[in-house]
């Protein structure tokens, strides 16, 4: 692997240009850079809005029997998805655990709901404990994350510079945490979940985390990508990230593109075109082959910027 870096503070040229970032902690970079002025993002004006039972969330119908449950007031802009069948529903991720996602889901459906996470980073499992049936990948990383995260580990997620509005009643910077949750059953690559009139397939895509998955509706051509791809800064700098595995997994998803009609992603905006996966694999190839030039950010990270998305790394991964 050959990854090229521009000099600190310099801009690389061409399509792979990388701008230096502000000298702030990574967890608050997006907020202090002014993300609040970008929400609601323009894509949402084109989507059908549905009523949200908790005003921490905004809900959009993004496809027949598919709802995006968006958290626009916290800098991660997490998006969870409620996917309905005739006999059951699946909630793909449960967000930050700041608002009452269970209330939102219960207002949208009376069907029995199963939870499955795209991966177990705290911003995707925050509401898991509110549900009775949670499926998970069988990894040590998953089992560790199911124990929850203490306030000392996650309080920065609800600090003032991470928010665009006041926290809901009962949530403070001093008591916010990620509750532990029970795993009802494990799933693996290729397993299917039948909802009645809709079947969803688990696609293991380790890399971002060891337990990262995508979710595939082959009949509709829908792919939920989790944090493996979204139109924004894709964060690949956690200790558990494996860049080689990520590249392999994204190549696997790219092979699905001819049979896909839509991507549903986990941050910022919900809908993306399947061709984005081909662009992502090209970008990764350019990085690994030393064609793309990354720039060191003032907070210590490294960013490779491409058209419509970027890839954020820790220098220790290079």
C-alpha atoms as a PDB file:
ATOM      1  CA  UNK A   1       0.000   0.000   0.000  1.00  0.00           C
ATOM      2  CA  UNK A   2       1.304   3.454  -0.970  1.00  0.00           C
ATOM      3  CA  UNK A   3      -0.515   6.490   0.409  1.00  0.00           C
ATOM      4  CA  UNK A   4       0.795   9.921  -0.575  1.00  0.00           C
ATOM      5  CA  UNK A   5       0.508  12.940   1.693  1.00  0.00           C
ATOM      6  CA  UNK A   6       0.812  16.610   0.872  1.00  0.00           C
ATOM      7  CA  UNK A   7       2.862  18.801   3.177  1.00  0.00           C
ATOM      8  CA  UNK A   8       1.044  19.893   6.302  1.00  0.00           C
ATOM      9  CA  UNK A   9      -1.292  22.774   5.549  1.00  0.00           C
ATOM     10  CA  UNK A  10      -0.785  22.466   1.793  1.00  0.00           C
ATOM     11  CA  UNK A  11      -3.362  21.678  -0.834  1.00  0.00           C
ATOM     12  CA  UNK A  12      -2.937  18.730  -3.155  1.00  0.00           C
ATOM     13  CA  UNK A  13      -3.869  19.405  -6.746  1.00  0.00           C
ATOM     14  CA  UNK A  14      -6.631  18.145  -9.014  1.00  0.00           C
ATOM     15  CA  UNK A  15      -9.687  16.084  -8.149  1.00  0.00           C
ATOM     16  CA  UNK A  16      -7.913  14.673  -5.107  1.00  0.00           C
ATOM     17  CA  UNK A  17      -7.341  18.060  -3.441  1.00  0.00           C
ATOM     18  CA  UNK A  18      -7.545  18.017   0.347  1.00  0.00           C
ATOM     19  CA  UNK A  19      -8.162  21.148   2.379  1.00  0.00           C
ATOM     20  CA  UNK A  20      -6.620  21.566   5.818  1.00  0.00           C
ATOM     21  CA  UNK A  21      -9.089  21.252   8.684  1.00  0.00           C
ATOM     22  CA  UNK A  22      -9.627  23.430  11.744  1.00  0.00           C
ATOM     23  CA  UNK A  23      -7.472  22.842  14.786  1.00  0.00           C
ATOM     24  CA  UNK A  24     -10.194  21.148  16.851  1.00  0.00           C
ATOM     25  CA  UNK A  25     -10.861  17.675  18.189  1.00  0.00           C
ATOM     26  CA  UNK A  26     -12.135  15.252  15.546  1.00  0.00           C
ATOM     27  CA  UNK A  27     -15.421  14.657  17.351  1.00  0.00           C
ATOM     28  CA  UNK A  28     -16.372  18.336  17.075  1.00  0.00           C
ATOM     29  CA  UNK A  29     -14.759  19.250  13.745  1.00  0.00           C
ATOM     30  CA  UNK A  30     -17.990  19.166  11.755  1.00  0.00           C
ATOM     31  CA  UNK A  31     -19.943  21.153  14.307  1.00  0.00           C
ATOM     32  CA  UNK A  32     -17.458  23.971  14.727  1.00  0.00           C
ATOM     33  CA  UNK A  33     -16.966  24.169  10.953  1.00  0.00           C
ATOM     34  CA  UNK A  34     -20.581  25.370  10.770  1.00  0.00           C
ATOM     35  CA  UNK A  35     -22.606  22.273  10.011  1.00  0.00           C
ATOM     36  CA  UNK A  36     -25.696  23.888  11.554  1.00  0.00           C
ATOM     37  CA  UNK A  37     -25.880  26.298   8.628  1.00  0.00           C
ATOM     38  CA  UNK A  38     -26.094  23.318   6.246  1.00  0.00           C
ATOM     39  CA  UNK A  39     -29.179  21.695   7.782  1.00  0.00           C
ATOM     40  CA  UNK A  40     -31.679  20.909   6.575  1.00  0.00           C
ATOM     41  CA  UNK A  41     -29.652  19.753   3.591  1.00  0.00           C
ATOM     42  CA  UNK A  42     -31.116  20.449   0.170  1.00  0.00           C
ATOM     43  CA  UNK A  43     -31.819  16.806  -0.669  1.00  0.00           C
ATOM     44  CA  UNK A  44     -34.494  16.630   2.015  1.00  0.00           C
ATOM     45  CA  UNK A  45     -36.656  19.175   0.191  1.00  0.00           C
ATOM     46  CA  UNK A  46     -37.149  16.556  -2.534  1.00  0.00           C
ATOM     47  CA  UNK A  47     -38.301  13.834  -0.124  1.00  0.00           C
ATOM     48  CA  UNK A  48     -41.743  13.099   1.288  1.00  0.00           C
ATOM     49  CA  UNK A  49     -41.869  14.116   4.917  1.00  0.00           C
ATOM     50  CA  UNK A  50     -43.734  12.055   7.525  1.00  0.00           C
ATOM     51  CA  UNK A  51     -44.759  13.016  11.014  1.00  0.00           C
ATOM     52  CA  UNK A  52     -42.203  12.369  13.768  1.00  0.00           C
ATOM     53  CA  UNK A  53     -43.496  11.516  17.240  1.00  0.00           C
ATOM     54  CA  UNK A  54     -40.376  13.063  18.834  1.00  0.00           C
ATOM     55  CA  UNK A  55     -39.107  16.387  17.538  1.00  0.00           C
ATOM     56  CA  UNK A  56     -35.451  15.399  17.968  1.00  0.00           C
ATOM     57  CA  UNK A  57     -35.978  13.494  14.703  1.00  0.00           C
ATOM     58  CA  UNK A  58     -37.190  14.256  11.213  1.00  0.00           C
ATOM     59  CA  UNK A  59     -38.778  11.394   9.273  1.00  0.00           C
ATOM     60  CA  UNK A  60     -38.907  10.957   5.501  1.00  0.00           C
ATOM     61  CA  UNK A  61     -40.477   8.285   3.310  1.00  0.00           C
ATOM     62  CA  UNK A  62     -37.607   7.448   0.955  1.00  0.00           C
ATOM     63  CA  UNK A  63     -39.187   4.452  -0.814  1.00  0.00           C
ATOM     64  CA  UNK A  64     -42.372   2.417  -0.506  1.00  0.00           C
ATOM     65  CA  UNK A  65     -42.473   1.099   3.082  1.00  0.00           C
ATOM     66  CA  UNK A  66     -39.060   2.584   3.901  1.00  0.00           C
ATOM     67  CA  UNK A  67     -38.610   5.492   6.332  1.00  0.00           C
ATOM     68  CA  UNK A  68     -35.421   7.430   7.018  1.00  0.00           C
ATOM     69  CA  UNK A  69     -35.279   8.589  10.651  1.00  0.00           C
ATOM     70  CA  UNK A  70     -32.882  11.530  10.665  1.00  0.00           C
ATOM     71  CA  UNK A  71     -31.175  13.310  13.584  1.00  0.00           C
ATOM     72  CA  UNK A  72     -30.378  16.756  12.114  1.00  0.00           C
ATOM     73  CA  UNK A  73     -29.485  18.598  15.318  1.00  0.00           C
ATOM     74  CA  UNK A  74     -26.296  16.716  16.256  1.00  0.00           C
ATOM     75  CA  UNK A  75     -23.202  17.013  14.098  1.00  0.00           C
ATOM     76  CA  UNK A  76     -23.088  13.354  13.077  1.00  0.00           C
ATOM     77  CA  UNK A  77     -26.479  13.697  11.343  1.00  0.00           C
ATOM     78  CA  UNK A  78     -27.190  10.014  11.861  1.00  0.00           C
ATOM     79  CA  UNK A  79     -29.885   8.301   9.792  1.00  0.00           C
ATOM     80  CA  UNK A  80     -31.643   5.108  10.908  1.00  0.00           C
ATOM     81  CA  UNK A  81     -34.136   3.226   8.715  1.00  0.00           C
ATOM     82  CA  UNK A  82     -37.483   1.600   9.401  1.00  0.00           C
ATOM     83  CA  UNK A  83     -38.158  -1.041   6.745  1.00  0.00           C
ATOM     84  CA  UNK A  84     -41.675  -2.478   6.637  1.00  0.00           C
ATOM     85  CA  UNK A  85     -42.938  -5.807   5.366  1.00  0.00           C
ATOM     86  CA  UNK A  86     -46.446  -7.250   5.530  1.00  0.00           C
ATOM     87  CA  UNK A  87     -45.849  -9.144   8.753  1.00  0.00           C
ATOM     88  CA  UNK A  88     -42.887  -7.488  10.443  1.00  0.00           C
ATOM     89  CA  UNK A  89     -40.549  -4.501  10.418  1.00  0.00           C
ATOM     90  CA  UNK A  90     -36.809  -4.085  10.696  1.00  0.00           C
ATOM     91  CA  UNK A  91     -35.132  -1.037  12.229  1.00  0.00           C
ATOM     92  CA  UNK A  92     -31.665  -0.700  10.734  1.00  0.00           C
ATOM     93  CA  UNK A  93     -29.759   1.239  13.408  1.00  0.00           C
ATOM     94  CA  UNK A  94     -31.209   3.146  16.341  1.00  0.00           C
ATOM     95  CA  UNK A  95     -29.190   6.368  16.308  1.00  0.00           C
ATOM     96  CA  UNK A  96     -27.590   8.363  19.077  1.00  0.00           C
ATOM     97  CA  UNK A  97     -29.972   7.530  21.928  1.00  0.00           C
ATOM     98  CA  UNK A  98     -30.635  11.244  22.487  1.00  0.00           C
ATOM     99  CA  UNK A  99     -34.268  11.303  21.346  1.00  0.00           C
ATOM    100  CA  UNK A 100     -36.971   8.656  21.792  1.00  0.00           C
ATOM    101  CA  UNK A 101     -36.623   6.604  18.621  1.00  0.00           C
ATOM    102  CA  UNK A 102     -38.973   3.934  20.007  1.00  0.00           C
ATOM    103  CA  UNK A 103     -41.774   6.514  20.107  1.00  0.00           C
ATOM    104  CA  UNK A 104     -41.065   7.451  16.494  1.00  0.00           C
ATOM    105  CA  UNK A 105     -41.121   3.820  15.355  1.00  0.00           C
ATOM    106  CA  UNK A 106     -44.292   2.986  17.294  1.00  0.00           C
ATOM    107  CA  UNK A 107     -46.073   5.903  15.628  1.00  0.00           C
ATOM    108  CA  UNK A 108     -45.060   4.661  12.170  1.00  0.00           C
ATOM    109  CA  UNK A 109     -46.004   0.984  12.527  1.00  0.00           C
ATOM    110  CA  UNK A 110     -47.838  -1.488  14.723  1.00  0.00           C
ATOM    111  CA  UNK A 111     -45.865  -4.404  13.258  1.00  0.00           C
ATOM    112  CA  UNK A 112     -43.403  -6.310  15.469  1.00  0.00           C
ATOM    113  CA  UNK A 113     -40.002  -4.629  15.143  1.00  0.00           C
ATOM    114  CA  UNK A 114     -36.589  -6.279  14.994  1.00  0.00           C
ATOM    115  CA  UNK A 115     -33.416  -4.202  15.336  1.00  0.00           C
ATOM    116  CA  UNK A 116     -30.255  -4.849  13.327  1.00  0.00           C
ATOM    117  CA  UNK A 117     -27.266  -2.518  13.379  1.00  0.00           C
ATOM    118  CA  UNK A 118     -25.062  -1.591  10.448  1.00  0.00           C
ATOM    119  CA  UNK A 119     -22.262  -1.761  13.049  1.00  0.00           C
ATOM    120  CA  UNK A 120     -21.988  -1.114  16.757  1.00  0.00           C
ATOM    121  CA  UNK A 121     -20.384   2.326  16.967  1.00  0.00           C
ATOM    122  CA  UNK A 122     -22.222   4.347  19.598  1.00  0.00           C
ATOM    123  CA  UNK A 123     -24.040   6.624  17.145  1.00  0.00           C
ATOM    124  CA  UNK A 124     -25.871   3.623  15.656  1.00  0.00           C
ATOM    125  CA  UNK A 125     -26.865   1.643  18.763  1.00  0.00           C
ATOM    126  CA  UNK A 126     -27.972   4.413  21.119  1.00  0.00           C
ATOM    127  CA  UNK A 127     -31.622   3.347  21.060  1.00  0.00           C
ATOM    128  CA  UNK A 128     -31.102  -0.437  20.996  1.00  0.00           C
ATOM    129  CA  UNK A 129     -32.038  -0.917  24.649  1.00  0.00           C
ATOM    130  CA  UNK A 130     -35.567   0.355  23.963  1.00  0.00           C
ATOM    131  CA  UNK A 131     -36.345  -2.690  21.799  1.00  0.00           C
ATOM    132  CA  UNK A 132     -36.962  -6.301  22.780  1.00  0.00           C
ATOM    133  CA  UNK A 133     -35.374  -8.051  19.792  1.00  0.00           C
ATOM    134  CA  UNK A 134     -31.894  -7.043  18.623  1.00  0.00           C
ATOM    135  CA  UNK A 135     -29.928  -9.088  16.097  1.00  0.00           C
ATOM    136  CA  UNK A 136     -26.150  -8.738  15.867  1.00  0.00           C
ATOM    137  CA  UNK A 137     -23.035 -10.037  14.207  1.00  0.00           C
ATOM    138  CA  UNK A 138     -21.117 -12.632  16.194  1.00  0.00           C
ATOM    139  CA  UNK A 139     -17.863 -10.764  16.843  1.00  0.00           C
ATOM    140  CA  UNK A 140     -15.971  -9.854  19.981  1.00  0.00           C
ATOM    141  CA  UNK A 141     -16.221  -6.197  18.978  1.00  0.00           C
ATOM    142  CA  UNK A 142     -20.029  -6.489  18.902  1.00  0.00           C
ATOM    143  CA  UNK A 143     -20.235  -8.203  22.269  1.00  0.00           C
ATOM    144  CA  UNK A 144     -17.998  -5.545  23.825  1.00  0.00           C
ATOM    145  CA  UNK A 145     -20.048  -2.687  22.399  1.00  0.00           C
ATOM    146  CA  UNK A 146     -23.288  -4.301  23.583  1.00  0.00           C
ATOM    147  CA  UNK A 147     -22.132  -3.531  27.141  1.00  0.00           C
ATOM    148  CA  UNK A 148     -22.706   0.170  26.469  1.00  0.00           C
ATOM    149  CA  UNK A 149     -20.513   3.252  26.749  1.00  0.00           C
ATOM    150  CA  UNK A 150     -20.064   5.339  29.893  1.00  0.00           C
ATOM    151  CA  UNK A 151     -20.723   9.067  30.056  1.00  0.00           C
ATOM    152  CA  UNK A 152     -17.001   9.780  30.237  1.00  0.00           C
ATOM    153  CA  UNK A 153     -16.551   8.146  26.811  1.00  0.00           C
ATOM    154  CA  UNK A 154     -19.403   9.814  24.928  1.00  0.00           C
ATOM    155  CA  UNK A 155     -20.267  13.102  26.662  1.00  0.00           C
ATOM    156  CA  UNK A 156     -18.568  15.090  23.899  1.00  0.00           C
ATOM    157  CA  UNK A 157     -21.352  13.979  21.556  1.00  0.00           C
ATOM    158  CA  UNK A 158     -23.790  16.233  23.419  1.00  0.00           C
ATOM    159  CA  UNK A 159     -21.486  19.141  24.208  1.00  0.00           C
ATOM    160  CA  UNK A 160     -22.622  22.570  23.038  1.00  0.00           C
ATOM    161  CA  UNK A 161     -20.387  22.637  19.955  1.00  0.00           C
ATOM    162  CA  UNK A 162     -21.798  19.291  18.765  1.00  0.00           C
ATOM    163  CA  UNK A 163     -25.410  20.514  18.728  1.00  0.00           C
ATOM    164  CA  UNK A 164     -27.689  22.831  16.795  1.00  0.00           C
ATOM    165  CA  UNK A 165     -30.430  23.028  19.436  1.00  0.00           C
ATOM    166  CA  UNK A 166     -31.076  22.274  23.082  1.00  0.00           C
ATOM    167  CA  UNK A 167     -31.050  18.658  24.208  1.00  0.00           C
ATOM    168  CA  UNK A 168     -34.377  16.930  24.910  1.00  0.00           C
ATOM    169  CA  UNK A 169     -35.664  17.072  28.470  1.00  0.00           C
ATOM    170  CA  UNK A 170     -33.828  14.652  30.732  1.00  0.00           C
ATOM    171  CA  UNK A 171     -30.644  14.447  28.624  1.00  0.00           C
ATOM    172  CA  UNK A 172     -27.603  16.414  29.790  1.00  0.00           C
ATOM    173  CA  UNK A 173     -23.901  16.420  29.068  1.00  0.00           C
ATOM    174  CA  UNK A 174     -23.390  14.864  32.496  1.00  0.00           C
ATOM    175  CA  UNK A 175     -25.833  11.945  32.192  1.00  0.00           C
ATOM    176  CA  UNK A 176     -25.755  11.048  28.503  1.00  0.00           C
ATOM    177  CA  UNK A 177     -24.422   7.522  27.860  1.00  0.00           C
ATOM    178  CA  UNK A 178     -24.976   4.537  25.580  1.00  0.00           C
ATOM    179  CA  UNK A 179     -27.120   1.946  27.387  1.00  0.00           C
ATOM    180  CA  UNK A 180     -26.181  -1.716  27.319  1.00  0.00           C
ATOM    181  CA  UNK A 181     -28.453  -3.924  25.235  1.00  0.00           C
ATOM    182  CA  UNK A 182     -29.316  -7.616  24.990  1.00  0.00           C
ATOM    183  CA  UNK A 183     -28.561  -9.568  21.825  1.00  0.00           C
ATOM    184  CA  UNK A 184     -31.461 -11.887  20.995  1.00  0.00           C
ATOM    185  CA  UNK A 185     -29.696 -13.800  18.205  1.00  0.00           C
ATOM    186  CA  UNK A 186     -26.627 -13.627  15.993  1.00  0.00           C
ATOM    187  CA  UNK A 187     -26.676 -13.275  12.208  1.00  0.00           C
ATOM    188  CA  UNK A 188     -23.984 -13.805   9.624  1.00  0.00           C
ATOM    189  CA  UNK A 189     -23.097 -13.094   6.022  1.00  0.00           C
ATOM    190  CA  UNK A 190     -25.827 -14.274   3.651  1.00  0.00           C
ATOM    191  CA  UNK A 191     -28.496 -14.692   6.328  1.00  0.00           C
ATOM    192  CA  UNK A 192     -31.931 -13.444   5.359  1.00  0.00           C
ATOM    193  CA  UNK A 193     -34.656 -11.743   7.360  1.00  0.00           C
ATOM    194  CA  UNK A 194     -38.204 -12.338   6.106  1.00  0.00           C
ATOM    195  CA  UNK A 195     -40.657  -9.540   6.864  1.00  0.00           C
ATOM    196  CA  UNK A 196     -43.531 -10.843   4.777  1.00  0.00           C
ATOM    197  CA  UNK A 197     -43.500  -9.665   1.167  1.00  0.00           C
ATOM    198  CA  UNK A 198     -39.961  -8.371   1.687  1.00  0.00           C
ATOM    199  CA  UNK A 199     -36.740 -10.290   2.331  1.00  0.00           C
ATOM    200  CA  UNK A 200     -33.558  -8.591   3.494  1.00  0.00           C
ATOM    201  CA  UNK A 201     -30.088 -10.133   3.146  1.00  0.00           C
ATOM    202  CA  UNK A 202     -27.149  -9.507   5.446  1.00  0.00           C
ATOM    203  CA  UNK A 203     -23.917  -8.657   3.596  1.00  0.00           C
ATOM    204  CA  UNK A 204     -20.808  -8.693   5.798  1.00  0.00           C
ATOM    205  CA  UNK A 205     -18.516  -5.766   4.919  1.00  0.00           C
ATOM    206  CA  UNK A 206     -15.825  -5.674   7.630  1.00  0.00           C
ATOM    207  CA  UNK A 207     -13.406  -2.785   7.512  1.00  0.00           C
ATOM    208  CA  UNK A 208     -14.985   0.288   9.057  1.00  0.00           C
ATOM    209  CA  UNK A 209     -15.527  -2.034  12.030  1.00  0.00           C
ATOM    210  CA  UNK A 210     -15.166  -5.814  12.336  1.00  0.00           C
ATOM    211  CA  UNK A 211     -18.971  -6.161  12.527  1.00  0.00           C
ATOM    212  CA  UNK A 212     -19.921  -3.793   9.694  1.00  0.00           C
ATOM    213  CA  UNK A 213     -22.704  -4.992   7.415  1.00  0.00           C
ATOM    214  CA  UNK A 214     -24.768  -3.774   4.504  1.00  0.00           C
ATOM    215  CA  UNK A 215     -28.393  -4.765   4.046  1.00  0.00           C
ATOM    216  CA  UNK A 216     -29.723  -5.854   0.664  1.00  0.00           C
ATOM    217  CA  UNK A 217     -33.267  -5.998  -0.712  1.00  0.00           C
ATOM    218  CA  UNK A 218     -32.565  -7.865  -3.939  1.00  0.00           C
ATOM    219  CA  UNK A 219     -36.106  -7.611  -5.293  1.00  0.00           C
ATOM    220  CA  UNK A 220     -36.242  -3.826  -4.959  1.00  0.00           C
ATOM    221  CA  UNK A 221     -32.541  -3.284  -5.691  1.00  0.00           C
ATOM    222  CA  UNK A 222     -32.046  -1.398  -2.428  1.00  0.00           C
ATOM    223  CA  UNK A 223     -28.776  -1.450  -0.488  1.00  0.00           C
ATOM    224  CA  UNK A 224     -28.358   0.083   2.962  1.00  0.00           C
ATOM    225  CA  UNK A 225     -24.650   0.847   3.315  1.00  0.00           C
ATOM    226  CA  UNK A 226     -24.287   1.969   6.945  1.00  0.00           C
ATOM    227  CA  UNK A 227     -21.031   3.862   7.449  1.00  0.00           C
ATOM    228  CA  UNK A 228     -19.249   2.049   4.639  1.00  0.00           C
ATOM    229  CA  UNK A 229     -20.395   4.737   2.234  1.00  0.00           C
ATOM    230  CA  UNK A 230     -22.207   8.055   2.547  1.00  0.00           C
ATOM    231  CA  UNK A 231     -21.857  11.417   0.839  1.00  0.00           C
ATOM    232  CA  UNK A 232     -19.639  13.191   3.338  1.00  0.00           C
ATOM    233  CA  UNK A 233     -16.421  12.581   5.284  1.00  0.00           C
ATOM    234  CA  UNK A 234     -16.162   8.793   5.702  1.00  0.00           C
ATOM    235  CA  UNK A 235     -14.367   8.235   9.005  1.00  0.00           C
ATOM    236  CA  UNK A 236     -11.886   5.359   8.862  1.00  0.00           C
ATOM    237  CA  UNK A 237      -9.600   6.363  11.715  1.00  0.00           C
ATOM    238  CA  UNK A 238     -10.915   4.255  14.626  1.00  0.00           C
ATOM    239  CA  UNK A 239      -8.520   1.688  16.147  1.00  0.00           C
ATOM    240  CA  UNK A 240     -10.844  -1.087  14.986  1.00  0.00           C
ATOM    241  CA  UNK A 241     -10.745   0.038  11.342  1.00  0.00           C
ATOM    242  CA  UNK A 242      -8.952  -2.264   8.893  1.00  0.00           C
ATOM    243  CA  UNK A 243      -8.246  -0.413   5.640  1.00  0.00           C
ATOM    244  CA  UNK A 244      -7.294  -3.499   3.649  1.00  0.00           C
ATOM    245  CA  UNK A 245     -10.499  -5.257   4.722  1.00  0.00           C
ATOM    246  CA  UNK A 246     -12.505  -2.116   3.939  1.00  0.00           C
ATOM    247  CA  UNK A 247     -11.123  -1.976   0.416  1.00  0.00           C
ATOM    248  CA  UNK A 248     -12.004  -5.640  -0.144  1.00  0.00           C
ATOM    249  CA  UNK A 249     -15.512  -5.140   1.234  1.00  0.00           C
ATOM    250  CA  UNK A 250     -16.182  -2.105  -0.937  1.00  0.00           C
ATOM    251  CA  UNK A 251     -15.054  -4.022  -4.013  1.00  0.00           C
ATOM    252  CA  UNK A 252     -17.617  -6.651  -3.053  1.00  0.00           C
ATOM    253  CA  UNK A 253     -20.384  -4.045  -2.805  1.00  0.00           C
ATOM    254  CA  UNK A 254     -19.335  -2.546  -6.133  1.00  0.00           C
ATOM    255  CA  UNK A 255     -20.035  -5.904  -7.769  1.00  0.00           C
ATOM    256  CA  UNK A 256     -23.685  -5.495  -6.778  1.00  0.00           C
ATOM    257  CA  UNK A 257     -24.091  -2.186  -8.626  1.00  0.00           C
ATOM    258  CA  UNK A 258     -25.674  -3.627 -11.823  1.00  0.00           C
ATOM    259  CA  UNK A 259     -28.578  -5.030  -9.793  1.00  0.00           C
ATOM    260  CA  UNK A 260     -29.091  -1.984  -7.558  1.00  0.00           C
ATOM    261  CA  UNK A 261     -31.552   0.879  -7.933  1.00  0.00           C
ATOM    262  CA  UNK A 262     -30.782   2.918  -4.807  1.00  0.00           C
ATOM    263  CA  UNK A 263     -28.364   3.298  -1.903  1.00  0.00           C
ATOM    264  CA  UNK A 264     -29.577   4.328   1.555  1.00  0.00           C
ATOM    265  CA  UNK A 265     -26.764   5.737   3.673  1.00  0.00           C
ATOM    266  CA  UNK A 266     -26.276   6.409   7.370  1.00  0.00           C
ATOM    267  CA  UNK A 267     -25.180  10.056   7.642  1.00  0.00           C
ATOM    268  CA  UNK A 268     -26.073  13.497   6.270  1.00  0.00           C
ATOM    269  CA  UNK A 269     -28.381  12.562   3.375  1.00  0.00           C
ATOM    270  CA  UNK A 270     -30.254   9.282   2.939  1.00  0.00           C
ATOM    271  CA  UNK A 271     -30.366   8.631  -0.802  1.00  0.00           C
ATOM    272  CA  UNK A 272     -27.457   8.047  -3.168  1.00  0.00           C
ATOM    273  CA  UNK A 273     -26.997   6.482  -6.569  1.00  0.00           C
ATOM    274  CA  UNK A 274     -25.458   2.972  -6.801  1.00  0.00           C
ATOM    275  CA  UNK A 275     -22.726   4.289  -9.111  1.00  0.00           C
ATOM    276  CA  UNK A 276     -21.259   5.991  -6.059  1.00  0.00           C
ATOM    277  CA  UNK A 277     -19.870   2.596  -5.018  1.00  0.00           C
ATOM    278  CA  UNK A 278     -17.860   2.443  -8.235  1.00  0.00           C
ATOM    279  CA  UNK A 279     -16.532   5.922  -7.524  1.00  0.00           C
ATOM    280  CA  UNK A 280     -15.584   4.810  -4.016  1.00  0.00           C
ATOM    281  CA  UNK A 281     -13.627   1.790  -5.232  1.00  0.00           C
ATOM    282  CA  UNK A 282     -11.833   3.972  -7.793  1.00  0.00           C
ATOM    283  CA  UNK A 283     -10.974   6.408  -5.015  1.00  0.00           C
ATOM    284  CA  UNK A 284      -9.596   3.636  -2.809  1.00  0.00           C
ATOM    285  CA  UNK A 285      -7.544   2.289  -5.697  1.00  0.00           C
ATOM    286  CA  UNK A 286      -6.109   5.780  -6.254  1.00  0.00           C
ATOM    287  CA  UNK A 287      -5.230   6.040  -2.570  1.00  0.00           C
ATOM    288  CA  UNK A 288      -3.609   2.623  -2.325  1.00  0.00           C
ATOM    289  CA  UNK A 289      -1.663   3.107  -5.556  1.00  0.00           C
ATOM    290  CA  UNK A 290      -0.311   6.505  -4.537  1.00  0.00           C
ATOM    291  CA  UNK A 291      -2.216   8.478  -7.178  1.00  0.00           C
ATOM    292  CA  UNK A 292      -4.472  10.374  -4.786  1.00  0.00           C
ATOM    293  CA  UNK A 293      -2.748  12.825  -2.482  1.00  0.00           C
ATOM    294  CA  UNK A 294      -3.976  13.234   1.077  1.00  0.00           C
ATOM    295  CA  UNK A 295      -3.472  16.274   3.244  1.00  0.00           C
ATOM    296  CA  UNK A 296      -2.548  16.313   6.919  1.00  0.00           C
ATOM    297  CA  UNK A 297      -5.114  18.232   8.924  1.00  0.00           C
ATOM    298  CA  UNK A 298      -4.175  20.494  11.789  1.00  0.00           C
ATOM    299  CA  UNK A 299      -5.919  18.194  14.267  1.00  0.00           C
ATOM    300  CA  UNK A 300      -3.602  15.353  13.243  1.00  0.00           C
ATOM    301  CA  UNK A 301      -5.853  13.492  10.816  1.00  0.00           C
ATOM    302  CA  UNK A 302      -5.394  12.888   7.106  1.00  0.00           C
ATOM    303  CA  UNK A 303      -8.084  13.551   4.517  1.00  0.00           C
ATOM    304  CA  UNK A 304      -8.410  12.387   0.916  1.00  0.00           C
ATOM    305  CA  UNK A 305     -11.118  14.414  -0.831  1.00  0.00           C
ATOM    306  CA  UNK A 306     -13.015  13.128  -3.850  1.00  0.00           C
ATOM    307  CA  UNK A 307     -16.070  14.391  -5.706  1.00  0.00           C
ATOM    308  CA  UNK A 308     -18.935  14.362  -3.212  1.00  0.00           C
ATOM    309  CA  UNK A 309     -17.187  12.476  -0.401  1.00  0.00           C
ATOM    310  CA  UNK A 310     -13.881  12.253   1.434  1.00  0.00           C
ATOM    311  CA  UNK A 311     -11.983   9.593   3.363  1.00  0.00           C
ATOM    312  CA  UNK A 312     -10.581  10.446   6.797  1.00  0.00           C
ATOM    313  CA  UNK A 313      -7.643   8.462   8.183  1.00  0.00           C
ATOM    314  CA  UNK A 314      -5.386   8.422  11.217  1.00  0.00           C
ATOM    315  CA  UNK A 315      -1.703   8.915  10.280  1.00  0.00           C
ATOM    316  CA  UNK A 316      -0.847   5.773  12.236  1.00  0.00           C
ATOM    317  CA  UNK A 317      -2.795   3.779   9.610  1.00  0.00           C
ATOM    318  CA  UNK A 318      -0.537   4.946   6.794  1.00  0.00           C
END
